[in-house]
Amino acid sequence: DGSFWHYLKSRERLVREVVAAGKRPVSRSQLLQNLGEAFNGEELRTLCFDLKVDYDDLAGAGKRDKARELVGYMERRGRLPELVVFADKKRPHMNWFDDTLGEISEQAITEADLFLLYGLQMWLNYRGYGQRMHASL
């Protein structure tokens, strides 16, 4: 249970660093292209493992299919900033951020914050607080 909290805190730190630096991720299509160029199949599997995503549960047979499904999976859960940050940490030579767009958008900050709130909600539910809080409302 302490390791889960540490996991969330480490993700929070990484995402907040990127937001504070005013970086904005590349487009979804560019992100997909970058993942395909930067990672082979086994490396993509390792990236999924690091992100706590079950690679085998992602639809598709090939690397490009798995990368596309990973982007969609992370986006649906509000974790796209986490994917971009981890990809950047593993492959800093790739262009994961769009430098041409200027300051970070309010939407990007909201996505990062939603990711953190979702993680906190998961942790509270994991600890049993979510059900007690909901019952008292």
C-alpha atoms as a PDB file:
ATOM      1  CA  ASP A   1       0.000   0.000   0.000  1.00  0.00           C
ATOM      2  CA  GLY A   2       2.929   2.349   0.589  1.00  0.00           C
ATOM      3  CA  SER A   3       4.313   1.420  -2.810  1.00  0.00           C
ATOM      4  CA  PHE A   4       1.064   2.429  -4.520  1.00  0.00           C
ATOM      5  CA  TRP A   5       1.211   5.859  -2.870  1.00  0.00           C
ATOM      6  CA  HIS A   6       4.865   6.184  -3.921  1.00  0.00           C
ATOM      7  CA  TYR A   7       3.847   5.239  -7.471  1.00  0.00           C
ATOM      8  CA  LEU A   8       1.245   8.035  -7.586  1.00  0.00           C
ATOM      9  CA  LYS A   9       3.580  10.598  -6.044  1.00  0.00           C
ATOM     10  CA  SER A  10       6.341   9.814  -8.555  1.00  0.00           C
ATOM     11  CA  ARG A  11       3.901  10.279 -11.454  1.00  0.00           C
ATOM     12  CA  GLU A  12       2.635  13.527  -9.947  1.00  0.00           C
ATOM     13  CA  ARG A  13       6.159  14.903  -9.734  1.00  0.00           C
ATOM     14  CA  LEU A  14       6.954  14.022 -13.351  1.00  0.00           C
ATOM     15  CA  VAL A  15       3.739  15.451 -14.777  1.00  0.00           C
ATOM     16  CA  ARG A  16       3.966  18.620 -12.701  1.00  0.00           C
ATOM     17  CA  GLU A  17       7.577  19.186 -13.863  1.00  0.00           C
ATOM     18  CA  VAL A  18       6.416  19.143 -17.462  1.00  0.00           C
ATOM     19  CA  VAL A  19       3.431  21.393 -16.784  1.00  0.00           C
ATOM     20  CA  ALA A  20       5.589  23.847 -14.833  1.00  0.00           C
ATOM     21  CA  ALA A  21       8.109  23.961 -17.678  1.00  0.00           C
ATOM     22  CA  GLY A  22       5.316  25.107 -20.004  1.00  0.00           C
ATOM     23  CA  LYS A  23       5.660  22.119 -22.328  1.00  0.00           C
ATOM     24  CA  ARG A  24       2.810  20.945 -24.511  1.00  0.00           C
ATOM     25  CA  PRO A  25       2.777  17.387 -25.936  1.00  0.00           C
ATOM     26  CA  VAL A  26       2.901  16.811 -29.676  1.00  0.00           C
ATOM     27  CA  SER A  27      -0.327  15.883 -31.463  1.00  0.00           C
ATOM     28  CA  ARG A  28      -1.787  12.400 -31.047  1.00  0.00           C
ATOM     29  CA  SER A  29      -0.727  11.430 -34.566  1.00  0.00           C
ATOM     30  CA  GLN A  30       2.831  12.651 -33.940  1.00  0.00           C
ATOM     31  CA  LEU A  31       2.880  10.850 -30.589  1.00  0.00           C
ATOM     32  CA  LEU A  32       1.847   7.628 -32.315  1.00  0.00           C
ATOM     33  CA  GLN A  33       4.521   8.086 -34.980  1.00  0.00           C
ATOM     34  CA  ASN A  34       7.161   8.819 -32.326  1.00  0.00           C
ATOM     35  CA  LEU A  35       6.250   5.723 -30.317  1.00  0.00           C
ATOM     36  CA  GLY A  36       6.582   3.610 -33.458  1.00  0.00           C
ATOM     37  CA  GLU A  37       9.994   5.065 -34.299  1.00  0.00           C
ATOM     38  CA  ALA A  38      11.437   5.205 -30.786  1.00  0.00           C
ATOM     39  CA  PHE A  39      10.449   1.804 -29.385  1.00  0.00           C
ATOM     40  CA  ASN A  40      10.627  -1.739 -30.713  1.00  0.00           C
ATOM     41  CA  GLY A  41       8.023  -4.297 -29.633  1.00  0.00           C
ATOM     42  CA  GLU A  42       9.788  -5.386 -26.448  1.00  0.00           C
ATOM     43  CA  GLU A  43      10.604  -1.811 -25.464  1.00  0.00           C
ATOM     44  CA  LEU A  44       6.958  -0.853 -25.941  1.00  0.00           C
ATOM     45  CA  ARG A  45       6.019  -3.787 -23.707  1.00  0.00           C
ATOM     46  CA  THR A  46       8.442  -2.468 -21.061  1.00  0.00           C
ATOM     47  CA  LEU A  47       6.987   1.043 -21.372  1.00  0.00           C
ATOM     48  CA  CYS A  48       3.532  -0.428 -20.741  1.00  0.00           C
ATOM     49  CA  PHE A  49       4.872  -2.298 -17.720  1.00  0.00           C
ATOM     50  CA  ASP A  50       6.372   0.919 -16.320  1.00  0.00           C
ATOM     51  CA  LEU A  51       3.018   2.656 -16.823  1.00  0.00           C
ATOM     52  CA  LYS A  52       1.157  -0.215 -15.118  1.00  0.00           C
ATOM     53  CA  VAL A  53      -0.694  -1.062 -18.342  1.00  0.00           C
ATOM     54  CA  ASP A  54      -1.113  -4.713 -19.346  1.00  0.00           C
ATOM     55  CA  TYR A  55       0.447  -4.897 -22.817  1.00  0.00           C
ATOM     56  CA  ASP A  56      -1.381  -8.135 -23.621  1.00  0.00           C
ATOM     57  CA  ASP A  57      -4.755  -6.499 -22.894  1.00  0.00           C
ATOM     58  CA  LEU A  58      -4.155  -3.881 -25.603  1.00  0.00           C
ATOM     59  CA  ALA A  59      -5.901  -4.769 -28.870  1.00  0.00           C
ATOM     60  CA  GLY A  60      -3.897  -5.366 -32.020  1.00  0.00           C
ATOM     61  CA  ALA A  61      -1.158  -7.695 -33.127  1.00  0.00           C
ATOM     62  CA  GLY A  62       1.685  -5.483 -34.296  1.00  0.00           C
ATOM     63  CA  LYS A  63       3.742  -2.791 -32.645  1.00  0.00           C
ATOM     64  CA  ARG A  64       1.892   0.050 -34.376  1.00  0.00           C
ATOM     65  CA  ASP A  65      -1.494  -1.377 -33.337  1.00  0.00           C
ATOM     66  CA  LYS A  66      -0.326  -1.722 -29.730  1.00  0.00           C
ATOM     67  CA  ALA A  67       1.087   1.830 -29.735  1.00  0.00           C
ATOM     68  CA  ARG A  68      -2.215   3.197 -31.091  1.00  0.00           C
ATOM     69  CA  GLU A  69      -4.189   1.325 -28.450  1.00  0.00           C
ATOM     70  CA  LEU A  70      -1.816   2.506 -25.718  1.00  0.00           C
ATOM     71  CA  VAL A  71      -2.344   6.142 -26.748  1.00  0.00           C
ATOM     72  CA  GLY A  72      -6.120   5.632 -26.733  1.00  0.00           C
ATOM     73  CA  TYR A  73      -6.047   3.793 -23.416  1.00  0.00           C
ATOM     74  CA  MET A  74      -4.015   6.523 -21.728  1.00  0.00           C
ATOM     75  CA  GLU A  75      -6.134   9.275 -23.261  1.00  0.00           C
ATOM     76  CA  ARG A  76      -9.426   7.726 -22.106  1.00  0.00           C
ATOM     77  CA  ARG A  77      -8.099   7.558 -18.551  1.00  0.00           C
ATOM     78  CA  GLY A  78      -6.691  11.083 -18.516  1.00  0.00           C
ATOM     79  CA  ARG A  79      -3.154   9.707 -18.327  1.00  0.00           C
ATOM     80  CA  LEU A  80      -1.820  10.974 -21.654  1.00  0.00           C
ATOM     81  CA  PRO A  81       0.540  13.450 -19.927  1.00  0.00           C
ATOM     82  CA  GLU A  82       2.060  10.518 -18.037  1.00  0.00           C
ATOM     83  CA  LEU A  83       2.682   8.591 -21.275  1.00  0.00           C
ATOM     84  CA  VAL A  84       4.395  11.591 -22.872  1.00  0.00           C
ATOM     85  CA  VAL A  85       6.558  12.223 -19.808  1.00  0.00           C
ATOM     86  CA  PHE A  86       7.654   8.585 -19.574  1.00  0.00           C
ATOM     87  CA  ALA A  87       8.394   8.363 -23.286  1.00  0.00           C
ATOM     88  CA  ASP A  88      10.466  11.537 -22.994  1.00  0.00           C
ATOM     89  CA  LYS A  89      12.405  10.144 -20.026  1.00  0.00           C
ATOM     90  CA  LYS A  90      13.205   6.944 -21.937  1.00  0.00           C
ATOM     91  CA  ARG A  91      13.880   8.573 -25.326  1.00  0.00           C
ATOM     92  CA  PRO A  92      14.888  12.206 -24.696  1.00  0.00           C
ATOM     93  CA  HIS A  93      16.348  12.517 -28.210  1.00  0.00           C
ATOM     94  CA  MET A  94      12.836  12.338 -29.687  1.00  0.00           C
ATOM     95  CA  ASN A  95      10.599  15.391 -29.962  1.00  0.00           C
ATOM     96  CA  TRP A  96       7.746  14.642 -27.541  1.00  0.00           C
ATOM     97  CA  PHE A  97       6.776  18.278 -26.999  1.00  0.00           C
ATOM     98  CA  ASP A  98       5.598  20.892 -29.473  1.00  0.00           C
ATOM     99  CA  ASP A  99       7.867  23.908 -29.054  1.00  0.00           C
ATOM    100  CA  THR A 100       6.020  25.945 -31.680  1.00  0.00           C
ATOM    101  CA  LEU A 101       2.853  26.446 -29.638  1.00  0.00           C
ATOM    102  CA  GLY A 102       4.159  28.777 -26.944  1.00  0.00           C
ATOM    103  CA  GLU A 103       2.745  28.603 -23.458  1.00  0.00           C
ATOM    104  CA  ILE A 104       0.971  25.538 -22.177  1.00  0.00           C
ATOM    105  CA  SER A 105      -2.782  25.521 -22.606  1.00  0.00           C
ATOM    106  CA  GLU A 106      -5.294  25.440 -19.785  1.00  0.00           C
ATOM    107  CA  GLN A 107      -6.547  22.127 -21.231  1.00  0.00           C
ATOM    108  CA  ALA A 108      -3.129  20.485 -20.781  1.00  0.00           C
ATOM    109  CA  ILE A 109      -3.028  21.540 -17.144  1.00  0.00           C
ATOM    110  CA  THR A 110      -6.545  20.230 -16.667  1.00  0.00           C
ATOM    111  CA  GLU A 111      -5.573  16.848 -18.168  1.00  0.00           C
ATOM    112  CA  ALA A 112      -2.604  16.590 -15.809  1.00  0.00           C
ATOM    113  CA  ASP A 113      -4.732  17.580 -12.832  1.00  0.00           C
ATOM    114  CA  LEU A 114      -7.445  15.094 -13.805  1.00  0.00           C
ATOM    115  CA  PHE A 115      -4.802  12.377 -13.952  1.00  0.00           C
ATOM    116  CA  LEU A 116      -3.686  13.255 -10.428  1.00  0.00           C
ATOM    117  CA  LEU A 117      -7.240  13.403  -9.085  1.00  0.00           C
ATOM    118  CA  TYR A 118      -8.047  10.067 -10.712  1.00  0.00           C
ATOM    119  CA  GLY A 119      -4.948   8.569  -9.095  1.00  0.00           C
ATOM    120  CA  LEU A 120      -5.921   9.960  -5.715  1.00  0.00           C
ATOM    121  CA  GLN A 121      -9.432   8.576  -6.134  1.00  0.00           C
ATOM    122  CA  MET A 122      -7.976   5.151  -7.005  1.00  0.00           C
ATOM    123  CA  TRP A 123      -5.772   5.281  -3.914  1.00  0.00           C
ATOM    124  CA  LEU A 124      -8.667   6.294  -1.661  1.00  0.00           C
ATOM    125  CA  ASN A 125     -10.789   3.477  -3.075  1.00  0.00           C
ATOM    126  CA  TYR A 126      -7.873   1.066  -2.650  1.00  0.00           C
ATOM    127  CA  ARG A 127      -7.604   2.071   1.015  1.00  0.00           C
ATOM    128  CA  GLY A 128     -11.372   1.782   1.496  1.00  0.00           C
ATOM    129  CA  TYR A 129     -11.924   5.498   2.057  1.00  0.00           C
ATOM    130  CA  GLY A 130     -13.845   6.026  -1.168  1.00  0.00           C
ATOM    131  CA  GLN A 131     -16.773   3.856  -0.094  1.00  0.00           C
ATOM    132  CA  ARG A 132     -16.932   5.432   3.389  1.00  0.00           C
ATOM    133  CA  MET A 133     -16.813   8.962   1.992  1.00  0.00           C
ATOM    134  CA  HIS A 134     -19.508   8.161  -0.572  1.00  0.00           C
ATOM    135  CA  ALA A 135     -21.741   6.566   2.087  1.00  0.00           C
ATOM    136  CA  SER A 136     -21.481   9.622   4.334  1.00  0.00           C
ATOM    137  CA  LEU A 137     -22.622  12.030   1.573  1.00  0.00           C
END
